[in-house]
N, C-alpha and C. Protein backbone atom coordinates (compact mmCIF):
# COMPACT_ATOMS: atom_id res chain seq x y z
N UNK A 1 -41.35 24.87 2.50
CA UNK A 1 -41.96 24.40 3.73
C UNK A 1 -40.86 24.11 4.73
N UNK A 2 -40.99 24.59 5.94
CA UNK A 2 -40.02 24.29 6.97
C UNK A 2 -40.39 22.99 7.64
N UNK A 3 -39.45 22.44 8.39
CA UNK A 3 -39.75 21.19 9.06
C UNK A 3 -40.84 21.38 10.12
N UNK A 4 -40.99 22.61 10.61
CA UNK A 4 -42.06 22.88 11.56
C UNK A 4 -43.42 22.79 10.90
N UNK A 5 -43.50 23.12 9.59
CA UNK A 5 -44.76 23.06 8.87
C UNK A 5 -45.00 21.69 8.24
N UNK A 6 -43.98 20.91 8.12
CA UNK A 6 -44.10 19.58 7.54
C UNK A 6 -44.91 18.71 8.50
N UNK A 7 -45.95 18.08 8.01
CA UNK A 7 -46.73 17.26 8.94
C UNK A 7 -45.94 16.02 9.34
N UNK A 8 -46.29 15.49 10.48
CA UNK A 8 -45.51 14.43 11.12
C UNK A 8 -45.30 13.19 10.25
N UNK A 9 -46.33 12.66 9.58
CA UNK A 9 -46.08 11.47 8.74
C UNK A 9 -45.10 11.75 7.59
N UNK A 10 -45.20 12.93 6.97
CA UNK A 10 -44.26 13.26 5.89
C UNK A 10 -42.84 13.40 6.42
N UNK A 11 -42.72 14.03 7.58
CA UNK A 11 -41.40 14.21 8.17
C UNK A 11 -40.78 12.86 8.54
N UNK A 12 -41.57 11.99 9.16
CA UNK A 12 -41.05 10.67 9.52
C UNK A 12 -40.70 9.86 8.29
N UNK A 13 -41.54 9.92 7.26
CA UNK A 13 -41.28 9.19 6.03
C UNK A 13 -39.97 9.66 5.40
N UNK A 14 -39.81 10.98 5.29
CA UNK A 14 -38.58 11.53 4.71
C UNK A 14 -37.38 11.14 5.55
N UNK A 15 -37.53 11.21 6.87
CA UNK A 15 -36.41 10.88 7.75
C UNK A 15 -36.00 9.42 7.59
N UNK A 16 -36.95 8.49 7.65
CA UNK A 16 -36.59 7.07 7.59
C UNK A 16 -36.07 6.66 6.22
N UNK A 17 -36.69 7.15 5.16
CA UNK A 17 -36.19 6.83 3.82
C UNK A 17 -34.81 7.45 3.63
N UNK A 18 -34.64 8.68 4.11
CA UNK A 18 -33.35 9.35 4.00
C UNK A 18 -32.26 8.65 4.78
N UNK A 19 -32.56 8.21 5.98
CA UNK A 19 -31.57 7.49 6.79
C UNK A 19 -31.20 6.16 6.12
N UNK A 20 -32.19 5.46 5.60
CA UNK A 20 -31.91 4.21 4.88
C UNK A 20 -31.06 4.45 3.64
N UNK A 21 -31.40 5.50 2.90
CA UNK A 21 -30.63 5.84 1.70
C UNK A 21 -29.20 6.23 2.08
N UNK A 22 -29.05 7.02 3.12
CA UNK A 22 -27.72 7.41 3.57
C UNK A 22 -26.90 6.19 3.99
N UNK A 23 -27.53 5.23 4.65
CA UNK A 23 -26.83 4.00 5.03
C UNK A 23 -26.36 3.24 3.79
N UNK A 24 -27.21 3.14 2.79
CA UNK A 24 -26.82 2.45 1.55
C UNK A 24 -25.67 3.16 0.84
N UNK A 25 -25.74 4.48 0.80
CA UNK A 25 -24.67 5.27 0.17
C UNK A 25 -23.36 5.05 0.90
N UNK A 26 -23.40 5.15 2.21
CA UNK A 26 -22.18 5.03 3.01
C UNK A 26 -21.59 3.63 2.93
N UNK A 27 -22.43 2.62 3.01
CA UNK A 27 -21.95 1.23 2.91
C UNK A 27 -21.40 0.96 1.51
N UNK A 28 -22.09 1.46 0.49
CA UNK A 28 -21.60 1.29 -0.88
C UNK A 28 -20.26 1.97 -1.09
N UNK A 29 -20.11 3.19 -0.57
CA UNK A 29 -18.84 3.90 -0.68
C UNK A 29 -17.73 3.18 0.07
N UNK A 30 -18.03 2.65 1.24
CA UNK A 30 -17.02 1.92 2.01
C UNK A 30 -16.62 0.63 1.29
N UNK A 31 -17.58 -0.03 0.68
CA UNK A 31 -17.29 -1.26 -0.07
C UNK A 31 -16.35 -0.96 -1.24
N UNK A 32 -16.65 0.09 -1.98
CA UNK A 32 -15.80 0.46 -3.12
C UNK A 32 -14.41 0.85 -2.64
N UNK A 33 -14.35 1.61 -1.56
CA UNK A 33 -13.06 2.03 -1.02
C UNK A 33 -12.23 0.83 -0.60
N UNK A 34 -12.87 -0.16 -0.04
CA UNK A 34 -12.16 -1.35 0.42
C UNK A 34 -11.62 -2.17 -0.76
N UNK A 35 -12.37 -2.20 -1.85
CA UNK A 35 -11.92 -2.95 -3.03
C UNK A 35 -10.76 -2.26 -3.72
N UNK A 36 -10.77 -0.91 -3.73
CA UNK A 36 -9.67 -0.07 -4.21
C UNK A 36 -8.96 -0.59 -5.45
N UNK A 37 -9.70 -0.85 -6.49
CA UNK A 37 -9.10 -1.23 -7.77
C UNK A 37 -8.61 0.00 -8.51
N UNK A 38 -8.32 -0.16 -9.78
CA UNK A 38 -7.76 0.93 -10.58
C UNK A 38 -8.73 2.10 -10.71
N UNK A 39 -10.00 1.83 -10.80
CA UNK A 39 -10.99 2.89 -10.97
C UNK A 39 -11.83 3.10 -9.71
N UNK A 40 -11.29 2.78 -8.57
CA UNK A 40 -12.06 2.88 -7.32
C UNK A 40 -12.45 4.31 -7.00
N UNK A 41 -11.59 5.28 -7.29
CA UNK A 41 -11.91 6.68 -6.98
C UNK A 41 -13.10 7.15 -7.80
N UNK A 42 -13.12 6.81 -9.07
CA UNK A 42 -14.24 7.20 -9.92
C UNK A 42 -15.52 6.49 -9.47
N UNK A 43 -15.41 5.23 -9.13
CA UNK A 43 -16.58 4.48 -8.66
C UNK A 43 -17.11 5.06 -7.36
N UNK A 44 -16.22 5.42 -6.44
CA UNK A 44 -16.65 6.02 -5.17
C UNK A 44 -17.31 7.36 -5.41
N UNK A 45 -16.74 8.17 -6.31
CA UNK A 45 -17.34 9.47 -6.63
C UNK A 45 -18.73 9.28 -7.25
N UNK A 46 -18.89 8.25 -8.07
CA UNK A 46 -20.21 7.96 -8.66
C UNK A 46 -21.22 7.56 -7.60
N UNK A 47 -20.80 6.74 -6.66
CA UNK A 47 -21.72 6.32 -5.59
C UNK A 47 -22.13 7.51 -4.73
N UNK A 48 -21.16 8.28 -4.27
CA UNK A 48 -21.49 9.43 -3.43
C UNK A 48 -22.21 10.52 -4.23
N UNK A 49 -21.82 10.73 -5.47
CA UNK A 49 -22.50 11.71 -6.32
C UNK A 49 -23.94 11.31 -6.60
N UNK A 50 -24.14 10.03 -6.90
CA UNK A 50 -25.50 9.54 -7.08
C UNK A 50 -26.31 9.66 -5.80
N UNK A 51 -25.64 9.45 -4.67
CA UNK A 51 -26.30 9.61 -3.38
C UNK A 51 -26.72 11.04 -3.11
N UNK A 52 -25.86 11.99 -3.50
CA UNK A 52 -26.20 13.41 -3.34
C UNK A 52 -27.44 13.74 -4.17
N UNK A 53 -27.44 13.30 -5.42
CA UNK A 53 -28.58 13.58 -6.30
C UNK A 53 -29.86 12.90 -5.79
N UNK A 54 -29.73 11.66 -5.34
CA UNK A 54 -30.90 10.94 -4.82
C UNK A 54 -31.45 11.61 -3.56
N UNK A 55 -30.56 12.03 -2.67
CA UNK A 55 -31.01 12.69 -1.44
C UNK A 55 -31.63 14.05 -1.75
N UNK A 56 -31.06 14.78 -2.70
CA UNK A 56 -31.65 16.06 -3.10
C UNK A 56 -33.04 15.85 -3.68
N UNK A 57 -33.19 14.82 -4.50
CA UNK A 57 -34.50 14.53 -5.09
C UNK A 57 -35.51 14.13 -4.00
N UNK A 58 -35.07 13.29 -3.07
CA UNK A 58 -35.96 12.83 -2.00
C UNK A 58 -36.46 13.99 -1.14
N UNK A 59 -35.60 14.93 -0.86
CA UNK A 59 -35.93 16.02 0.07
C UNK A 59 -36.44 17.28 -0.61
N UNK A 60 -36.41 17.35 -1.93
CA UNK A 60 -36.76 18.59 -2.65
C UNK A 60 -38.18 19.06 -2.37
N UNK A 61 -39.11 18.17 -2.25
CA UNK A 61 -40.50 18.61 -2.04
C UNK A 61 -40.76 19.10 -0.62
N UNK A 62 -39.83 18.87 0.28
CA UNK A 62 -40.02 19.25 1.67
C UNK A 62 -39.26 20.51 2.07
N UNK A 63 -38.59 21.14 1.13
CA UNK A 63 -37.81 22.32 1.46
C UNK A 63 -38.46 23.59 0.92
N UNK A 64 -38.21 24.69 1.59
CA UNK A 64 -38.73 25.98 1.13
C UNK A 64 -37.73 26.68 0.21
N UNK A 65 -36.52 26.14 0.07
CA UNK A 65 -35.55 26.73 -0.84
C UNK A 65 -36.03 26.57 -2.28
N UNK A 66 -35.66 27.49 -3.16
CA UNK A 66 -36.04 27.32 -4.57
C UNK A 66 -35.48 26.02 -5.13
N UNK A 67 -36.29 25.35 -5.94
CA UNK A 67 -35.85 24.06 -6.50
C UNK A 67 -34.57 24.19 -7.31
N UNK A 68 -34.45 25.27 -8.09
CA UNK A 68 -33.25 25.44 -8.91
C UNK A 68 -32.01 25.48 -8.02
N UNK A 69 -32.10 26.15 -6.88
CA UNK A 69 -30.96 26.26 -5.97
C UNK A 69 -30.68 24.93 -5.28
N UNK A 70 -31.74 24.21 -4.94
CA UNK A 70 -31.59 22.92 -4.28
C UNK A 70 -30.80 21.95 -5.17
N UNK A 71 -31.22 21.88 -6.45
CA UNK A 71 -30.54 20.96 -7.36
C UNK A 71 -29.20 21.51 -7.85
N UNK A 72 -29.06 22.84 -7.94
CA UNK A 72 -27.76 23.42 -8.28
C UNK A 72 -26.75 23.13 -7.17
N UNK A 73 -27.20 23.16 -5.93
CA UNK A 73 -26.32 22.82 -4.81
C UNK A 73 -25.87 21.37 -4.91
N UNK A 74 -26.78 20.50 -5.27
CA UNK A 74 -26.42 19.10 -5.46
C UNK A 74 -25.40 18.97 -6.60
N UNK A 75 -25.61 19.72 -7.67
CA UNK A 75 -24.68 19.69 -8.79
C UNK A 75 -23.28 20.16 -8.41
N UNK A 76 -23.20 21.19 -7.58
CA UNK A 76 -21.90 21.68 -7.11
C UNK A 76 -21.19 20.60 -6.31
N UNK A 77 -21.93 19.90 -5.47
CA UNK A 77 -21.33 18.85 -4.66
C UNK A 77 -20.89 17.66 -5.50
N UNK A 78 -21.68 17.31 -6.51
CA UNK A 78 -21.30 16.22 -7.41
C UNK A 78 -20.04 16.61 -8.19
N UNK A 79 -19.97 17.85 -8.61
CA UNK A 79 -18.79 18.34 -9.31
C UNK A 79 -17.55 18.24 -8.42
N UNK A 80 -17.69 18.60 -7.16
CA UNK A 80 -16.56 18.50 -6.21
C UNK A 80 -16.12 17.05 -6.05
N UNK A 81 -17.05 16.13 -6.02
CA UNK A 81 -16.69 14.71 -5.92
C UNK A 81 -15.94 14.25 -7.17
N UNK A 82 -16.38 14.74 -8.33
CA UNK A 82 -15.68 14.41 -9.57
C UNK A 82 -14.26 14.95 -9.58
N UNK A 83 -14.09 16.19 -9.11
CA UNK A 83 -12.76 16.78 -9.02
C UNK A 83 -11.88 15.96 -8.07
N UNK A 84 -12.44 15.57 -6.95
CA UNK A 84 -11.68 14.76 -5.99
C UNK A 84 -11.24 13.44 -6.60
N UNK A 85 -12.13 12.80 -7.35
CA UNK A 85 -11.79 11.51 -7.96
C UNK A 85 -10.70 11.64 -9.01
N UNK A 86 -10.74 12.72 -9.77
CA UNK A 86 -9.75 12.92 -10.83
C UNK A 86 -8.41 13.41 -10.27
N UNK A 87 -8.45 14.32 -9.32
CA UNK A 87 -7.23 14.92 -8.79
C UNK A 87 -6.56 14.08 -7.70
N UNK A 88 -7.33 13.24 -7.02
CA UNK A 88 -6.78 12.44 -5.92
C UNK A 88 -7.20 10.98 -6.05
N UNK A 89 -6.73 10.31 -7.11
CA UNK A 89 -7.18 8.94 -7.35
C UNK A 89 -6.44 7.86 -6.56
N UNK A 90 -5.30 8.19 -5.95
CA UNK A 90 -4.53 7.19 -5.21
C UNK A 90 -5.29 6.65 -4.02
N UNK A 91 -4.91 5.46 -3.59
CA UNK A 91 -5.64 4.81 -2.50
C UNK A 91 -5.62 5.65 -1.22
N UNK A 92 -4.47 6.15 -0.82
CA UNK A 92 -4.38 6.95 0.42
C UNK A 92 -5.15 8.26 0.27
N UNK A 93 -5.03 8.90 -0.89
CA UNK A 93 -5.77 10.14 -1.13
C UNK A 93 -7.26 9.90 -1.15
N UNK A 94 -7.66 8.81 -1.82
CA UNK A 94 -9.08 8.48 -1.90
C UNK A 94 -9.65 8.22 -0.51
N UNK A 95 -8.86 7.60 0.32
CA UNK A 95 -9.32 7.31 1.68
C UNK A 95 -9.63 8.61 2.43
N UNK A 96 -8.84 9.65 2.18
CA UNK A 96 -9.05 10.94 2.83
C UNK A 96 -10.37 11.58 2.40
N UNK A 97 -10.59 11.71 1.07
CA UNK A 97 -11.80 12.42 0.66
C UNK A 97 -13.05 11.58 0.81
N UNK A 98 -12.95 10.26 0.69
CA UNK A 98 -14.15 9.45 0.89
C UNK A 98 -14.57 9.38 2.35
N UNK A 99 -13.62 9.62 3.27
CA UNK A 99 -13.99 9.62 4.69
C UNK A 99 -14.89 10.81 5.03
N UNK A 100 -14.90 11.82 4.17
CA UNK A 100 -15.77 12.99 4.38
C UNK A 100 -16.92 13.05 3.40
N UNK A 101 -16.89 12.27 2.35
CA UNK A 101 -17.88 12.38 1.27
C UNK A 101 -19.29 11.99 1.70
N UNK A 102 -19.43 11.17 2.71
CA UNK A 102 -20.77 10.78 3.16
C UNK A 102 -21.55 11.98 3.70
N UNK A 103 -20.83 13.03 4.10
CA UNK A 103 -21.51 14.21 4.65
C UNK A 103 -22.25 15.02 3.60
N UNK A 104 -21.91 14.86 2.34
CA UNK A 104 -22.57 15.64 1.30
C UNK A 104 -24.04 15.25 1.14
N UNK A 105 -24.40 13.97 1.01
CA UNK A 105 -25.83 13.65 0.98
C UNK A 105 -26.51 13.90 2.33
N UNK A 106 -25.77 13.71 3.41
CA UNK A 106 -26.31 13.93 4.75
C UNK A 106 -26.78 15.37 4.92
N UNK A 107 -26.05 16.31 4.31
CA UNK A 107 -26.38 17.73 4.43
C UNK A 107 -27.81 18.01 3.97
N UNK A 108 -28.23 17.40 2.87
CA UNK A 108 -29.59 17.63 2.37
C UNK A 108 -30.64 17.09 3.33
N UNK A 109 -30.37 15.95 3.93
CA UNK A 109 -31.30 15.37 4.89
C UNK A 109 -31.43 16.25 6.12
N UNK A 110 -30.31 16.71 6.64
CA UNK A 110 -30.31 17.56 7.83
C UNK A 110 -30.99 18.90 7.56
N UNK A 111 -30.71 19.47 6.40
CA UNK A 111 -31.30 20.78 6.09
C UNK A 111 -32.82 20.73 6.00
N UNK A 112 -33.35 19.64 5.50
CA UNK A 112 -34.81 19.56 5.35
C UNK A 112 -35.49 19.15 6.66
N UNK A 113 -34.79 18.47 7.54
CA UNK A 113 -35.39 18.04 8.80
C UNK A 113 -35.20 19.04 9.93
N UNK A 114 -34.26 19.97 9.77
CA UNK A 114 -34.02 20.98 10.80
C UNK A 114 -34.98 22.15 10.62
N UNK A 115 -35.42 22.74 11.73
CA UNK A 115 -36.31 23.90 11.60
C UNK A 115 -35.60 25.05 10.87
N UNK A 116 -36.30 25.69 9.96
CA UNK A 116 -35.74 26.80 9.19
C UNK A 116 -36.28 28.12 9.73
N UNK A 117 -35.47 29.15 9.60
CA UNK A 117 -35.91 30.48 10.01
C UNK A 117 -37.05 30.93 9.11
N UNK A 118 -38.00 31.62 9.68
CA UNK A 118 -39.13 32.11 8.91
C UNK A 118 -38.78 33.44 8.24
N UNK A 119 -37.93 34.23 8.87
CA UNK A 119 -37.53 35.51 8.29
C UNK A 119 -36.04 35.72 8.53
N UNK A 120 -35.50 36.74 7.91
CA UNK A 120 -34.09 37.03 8.05
C UNK A 120 -33.34 36.69 6.77
N UNK A 121 -32.07 37.06 6.73
CA UNK A 121 -31.30 36.89 5.51
C UNK A 121 -31.00 35.44 5.18
N UNK A 122 -31.02 34.54 6.17
CA UNK A 122 -30.74 33.13 5.88
C UNK A 122 -32.02 32.28 5.81
N UNK A 123 -33.16 32.94 5.79
CA UNK A 123 -34.42 32.23 5.65
C UNK A 123 -34.56 31.69 4.23
N UNK A 124 -35.13 30.50 4.07
CA UNK A 124 -35.36 29.97 2.71
C UNK A 124 -36.29 30.85 1.87
N UNK A 125 -37.01 31.72 2.51
CA UNK A 125 -37.94 32.60 1.80
C UNK A 125 -37.33 33.94 1.42
N UNK A 126 -36.10 34.21 1.84
CA UNK A 126 -35.48 35.50 1.53
C UNK A 126 -35.10 35.56 0.05
N UNK A 127 -34.90 36.78 -0.42
CA UNK A 127 -34.54 36.98 -1.83
C UNK A 127 -33.18 36.35 -2.16
N UNK A 128 -32.32 36.21 -1.18
CA UNK A 128 -30.97 35.69 -1.39
C UNK A 128 -30.85 34.20 -1.10
N UNK A 129 -31.95 33.55 -0.80
CA UNK A 129 -31.86 32.15 -0.35
C UNK A 129 -31.25 31.23 -1.40
N UNK A 130 -31.61 31.38 -2.66
CA UNK A 130 -31.07 30.50 -3.70
C UNK A 130 -29.57 30.67 -3.87
N UNK A 131 -29.11 31.90 -4.16
CA UNK A 131 -27.66 32.08 -4.30
C UNK A 131 -26.89 31.73 -3.01
N UNK A 132 -27.48 32.02 -1.86
CA UNK A 132 -26.82 31.69 -0.59
C UNK A 132 -26.66 30.18 -0.43
N UNK A 133 -27.68 29.43 -0.81
CA UNK A 133 -27.61 27.97 -0.72
C UNK A 133 -26.54 27.40 -1.66
N UNK A 134 -26.50 27.91 -2.89
CA UNK A 134 -25.49 27.43 -3.85
C UNK A 134 -24.09 27.81 -3.36
N UNK A 135 -23.94 29.02 -2.85
CA UNK A 135 -22.64 29.44 -2.31
C UNK A 135 -22.22 28.61 -1.11
N UNK A 136 -23.18 28.29 -0.25
CA UNK A 136 -22.88 27.45 0.91
C UNK A 136 -22.44 26.06 0.47
N UNK A 137 -23.07 25.52 -0.56
CA UNK A 137 -22.66 24.19 -1.02
C UNK A 137 -21.28 24.24 -1.66
N UNK A 138 -20.94 25.35 -2.33
CA UNK A 138 -19.60 25.50 -2.89
C UNK A 138 -18.57 25.57 -1.76
N UNK A 139 -18.88 26.31 -0.72
CA UNK A 139 -17.98 26.41 0.43
C UNK A 139 -17.83 25.05 1.12
N UNK A 140 -18.94 24.37 1.35
CA UNK A 140 -18.93 23.06 2.00
C UNK A 140 -18.14 22.05 1.17
N UNK A 141 -18.33 22.08 -0.15
CA UNK A 141 -17.60 21.17 -1.03
C UNK A 141 -16.12 21.49 -1.07
N UNK A 142 -15.79 22.78 -1.02
CA UNK A 142 -14.37 23.14 -1.05
C UNK A 142 -13.67 22.70 0.24
N UNK A 143 -14.40 22.64 1.34
CA UNK A 143 -13.82 22.12 2.58
C UNK A 143 -13.37 20.67 2.37
N UNK A 144 -14.20 19.88 1.72
CA UNK A 144 -13.84 18.49 1.41
C UNK A 144 -12.57 18.44 0.58
N UNK A 145 -12.49 19.25 -0.46
CA UNK A 145 -11.33 19.22 -1.35
C UNK A 145 -10.07 19.74 -0.67
N UNK A 146 -10.20 20.84 0.05
CA UNK A 146 -9.02 21.43 0.70
C UNK A 146 -8.50 20.52 1.81
N UNK A 147 -9.40 19.96 2.60
CA UNK A 147 -8.97 19.07 3.68
C UNK A 147 -8.26 17.83 3.11
N UNK A 148 -8.77 17.29 2.03
CA UNK A 148 -8.12 16.13 1.41
C UNK A 148 -6.79 16.53 0.79
N UNK A 149 -6.72 17.70 0.19
CA UNK A 149 -5.49 18.17 -0.44
C UNK A 149 -4.41 18.43 0.62
N UNK A 150 -4.78 19.04 1.73
CA UNK A 150 -3.82 19.34 2.81
C UNK A 150 -3.24 18.05 3.39
N UNK A 151 -4.05 17.03 3.49
CA UNK A 151 -3.58 15.79 4.13
C UNK A 151 -2.76 14.91 3.19
N UNK A 152 -2.53 15.34 1.97
CA UNK A 152 -1.74 14.56 1.00
C UNK A 152 -0.34 14.34 1.47
């Protein structure tokens, strides 16, 4: 279902719950980053990873993308957060990747609330929509990792 087909109460409900959830994820991640104990990177990755999964679950019924691809995309992003936590656990490094990590759950909210193409190769109804979505999440996640790695 595209956001154009989503009826107004469902769209508003998804939007407000999603915005509230995103605020909780971002505040929780900032709190963990500020505390910056020995396991702060893992804790931050858990908060943002849990946020990605929660946002994917919240928005899954409102998207026309295949469910397997929707949740596989979330899995790819959670994996990237885990890699970031293990490979860049230092306080300065963690600050770099956590400053971008809030965008991963945000992506699911934006994708479900933005109008989707009805036809074409990037339409959620196309034969390639599932693999394209998973590939896009891998590319988006690698941007987080590469940008944090470059700034080391």
